[in-house]
Amino acid sequence: MVLLPIFPLLMALAASSDLLTMRISNRLVGIVAISFFPIAFFAGADLSLIGMHLAAAALVLTITFGLFALGWIGGGDAKLTAAIGLWFGFELLLPFLFYASLFGGVLTLALLVGRRQPLPALLLRADWAVRLHHPKTGVPYGIALALAAMIVYPQSFVFTQLAIF
């Protein structure tokens, strides 16, 4: 089915954008969120299921906005987490958040260790690598979010319904 790879493609774009620029654009987050609706309807979701997915996304956005306000996560990460929550609803929200935390922790530790080492000469010409290596640069958490989303996606309503077409 042609619609099945849309979400993975959007996750790859989010992860690569965060890695290369330390930003996840509002446009990309909007596309992640908006694309859920026609794909979910095509997969056979009814309005009550869509409403529950919206409620899950609203809850995630409320919590992540608070974390952003405290300076603990970036704004793009907060919005992307909510947009991904829209795709998974309450049913898969906890597994997604668990994997995101796990991958985020590993990514953070890898960056802390890596930043103590000199950057290889080949990467000194890559702006994104120099920026990522700097100790004051944050963590491109969009990578962890995208990986977690890809682990959980095959269990989602959209995936399971589209996979049978």
Protein backbone atom coordinates (compact mmCIF):
# COMPACT_ATOMS: atom_id res chain seq x y z
CA MET A 1 0.00 0.00 0.00
CA VAL A 2 1.37 3.36 -1.03
CA LEU A 3 0.29 5.11 2.20
CA LEU A 4 2.19 2.75 4.52
CA PRO A 5 5.65 4.38 4.15
CA ILE A 6 4.47 7.99 4.62
CA PHE A 7 4.93 7.97 8.40
CA PRO A 8 8.38 6.32 8.26
CA LEU A 9 9.47 8.84 5.63
CA LEU A 10 8.32 11.72 7.81
CA MET A 11 10.19 10.24 10.78
CA ALA A 12 13.37 9.96 8.69
CA LEU A 13 13.00 13.60 7.69
CA ALA A 14 12.48 14.69 11.30
CA ALA A 15 15.49 12.73 12.56
CA SER A 16 17.79 13.91 9.79
CA SER A 17 16.64 17.51 10.17
CA ASP A 18 17.33 17.46 13.89
CA LEU A 19 20.72 15.83 13.38
CA LEU A 20 21.84 18.23 10.66
CA THR A 21 20.30 21.50 11.88
CA MET A 22 19.23 20.92 15.51
CA ARG A 23 15.76 22.01 14.39
CA ILE A 24 12.50 20.30 13.56
CA SER A 25 10.45 22.69 11.50
CA ASN A 26 6.86 23.56 12.29
CA ARG A 27 6.01 22.71 8.69
CA LEU A 28 7.32 19.16 9.08
CA VAL A 29 5.53 18.69 12.40
CA GLY A 30 2.37 20.02 10.78
CA ILE A 31 2.70 17.54 7.93
CA VAL A 32 3.17 14.69 10.44
CA ALA A 33 -0.01 15.76 12.25
CA ILE A 34 -2.18 16.62 9.24
CA SER A 35 -1.25 13.50 7.27
CA PHE A 36 -2.65 11.35 10.06
CA PHE A 37 -6.24 12.31 9.32
CA PRO A 38 -6.69 11.24 5.67
CA ILE A 39 -4.56 8.14 6.23
CA ALA A 40 -6.51 7.15 9.37
CA PHE A 41 -9.83 7.66 7.56
CA PHE A 42 -8.59 5.57 4.63
CA ALA A 43 -7.51 2.87 7.11
CA GLY A 44 -11.06 2.80 8.48
CA ALA A 45 -10.77 4.82 11.68
CA ASP A 46 -14.09 6.17 12.91
CA LEU A 47 -14.60 9.57 14.50
CA SER A 48 -14.45 8.23 18.05
CA LEU A 49 -11.04 6.64 17.43
CA ILE A 50 -9.77 9.82 15.80
CA GLY A 51 -11.09 11.79 18.80
CA MET A 52 -9.19 9.55 21.20
CA HIS A 53 -6.02 10.02 19.17
CA LEU A 54 -6.56 13.78 19.28
CA ALA A 55 -7.01 13.61 23.05
CA ALA A 56 -3.75 11.66 23.39
CA ALA A 57 -1.93 14.24 21.28
CA ALA A 58 -3.42 17.10 23.32
CA LEU A 59 -2.28 15.47 26.56
CA VAL A 60 1.23 14.94 25.19
CA LEU A 61 1.39 18.52 23.91
CA THR A 62 0.32 19.85 27.31
CA ILE A 63 3.01 17.86 29.11
CA THR A 64 5.76 18.50 26.58
CA PHE A 65 4.93 22.21 26.46
CA GLY A 66 5.51 22.27 30.22
CA LEU A 67 8.85 20.50 29.75
CA PHE A 68 9.74 23.03 27.05
CA ALA A 69 8.79 25.92 29.34
CA LEU A 70 11.16 24.51 31.96
CA GLY A 71 13.93 24.36 29.35
CA TRP A 72 14.21 20.57 29.53
CA ILE A 73 13.34 19.86 25.88
CA GLY A 74 13.24 21.82 22.66
CA GLY A 75 10.09 23.19 21.13
CA GLY A 76 10.40 21.05 18.02
CA ASP A 77 10.79 17.95 20.18
CA ALA A 78 7.66 18.88 22.15
CA LYS A 79 5.57 19.39 19.04
CA LEU A 80 6.93 16.32 17.26
CA THR A 81 6.21 14.14 20.30
CA ALA A 82 2.59 15.33 20.27
CA ALA A 83 2.27 14.77 16.50
CA ILE A 84 3.60 11.24 16.90
CA GLY A 85 1.19 10.74 19.80
CA LEU A 86 -1.61 11.59 17.39
CA TRP A 87 -0.62 8.61 15.25
CA PHE A 88 -0.45 6.22 18.22
CA GLY A 89 -3.25 7.33 20.52
CA PHE A 90 -3.46 6.22 24.13
CA GLU A 91 -3.08 2.57 23.17
CA LEU A 92 0.56 2.90 22.11
CA LEU A 93 1.56 6.12 23.83
CA LEU A 94 3.38 4.48 26.75
CA PRO A 95 5.43 2.08 24.61
CA PHE A 96 6.39 5.00 22.35
CA LEU A 97 7.41 7.19 25.30
CA PHE A 98 9.32 4.30 26.88
CA TYR A 99 11.35 3.69 23.71
CA ALA A 100 11.87 7.43 23.20
CA SER A 101 13.24 7.72 26.73
CA LEU A 102 15.46 4.69 26.28
CA PHE A 103 16.86 5.84 22.92
CA GLY A 104 17.14 9.41 24.17
CA GLY A 105 19.18 8.27 27.15
CA VAL A 106 21.51 6.22 24.96
CA LEU A 107 21.86 9.12 22.51
CA THR A 108 22.60 11.56 25.33
CA LEU A 109 25.24 9.29 26.85
CA ALA A 110 26.83 8.69 23.45
CA LEU A 111 27.02 12.44 22.86
CA LEU A 112 28.50 13.10 26.30
CA VAL A 113 31.18 10.48 25.73
CA GLY A 114 31.77 11.53 22.12
CA ARG A 115 32.13 15.18 22.99
CA ARG A 116 35.06 14.32 25.26
CA GLN A 117 36.96 12.95 22.28
CA PRO A 118 38.49 15.11 19.55
CA LEU A 119 36.37 15.36 16.44
CA PRO A 120 37.95 13.37 13.58
CA ALA A 121 39.56 15.60 10.95
CA LEU A 122 37.17 14.41 8.25
CA LEU A 123 34.20 15.71 10.27
CA LEU A 124 35.77 19.11 10.98
CA ARG A 125 34.49 20.23 7.56
CA ALA A 126 30.90 19.21 8.34
CA ASP A 127 29.09 22.07 10.07
CA TRP A 128 26.50 19.74 11.58
CA ALA A 129 29.20 17.52 13.14
CA VAL A 130 31.09 20.48 14.59
CA ARG A 131 27.85 21.89 16.01
CA LEU A 132 26.81 18.50 17.43
CA HIS A 133 30.26 18.01 18.98
CA HIS A 134 30.16 21.32 20.84
CA PRO A 135 29.48 20.79 24.57
CA LYS A 136 26.91 23.60 24.71
CA THR A 137 24.81 22.06 21.92
CA GLY A 138 21.73 20.19 23.04
CA VAL A 139 20.72 16.68 22.10
CA PRO A 140 18.96 16.13 18.75
CA TYR A 141 16.17 14.25 20.50
CA GLY A 142 14.20 14.04 17.26
CA ILE A 143 16.43 11.08 16.41
CA ALA A 144 15.29 9.19 19.51
CA LEU A 145 11.66 10.15 18.88
CA ALA A 146 11.82 8.93 15.29
CA LEU A 147 13.49 5.63 16.25
CA ALA A 148 10.92 5.02 18.97
CA ALA A 149 8.11 5.83 16.55
CA MET A 150 9.47 3.34 14.03
CA ILE A 151 9.60 0.59 16.67
CA VAL A 152 5.97 1.20 17.66
CA TYR A 153 4.49 2.03 14.22
CA PRO A 154 3.99 -1.61 13.10
CA GLN A 155 1.62 -2.09 16.06
CA SER A 156 -0.46 0.99 15.25
CA PHE A 157 -4.03 0.96 13.97
CA VAL A 158 -3.00 2.69 10.77
CA PHE A 159 -0.21 0.22 10.01
CA THR A 160 -2.19 -2.90 10.82
CA GLN A 161 -5.15 -1.76 8.74
CA LEU A 162 -3.11 -0.57 5.76
CA ALA A 163 -0.93 -3.70 5.77
CA ILE A 164 -3.96 -5.85 4.91
CA PHE A 165 -4.84 -3.87 1.78
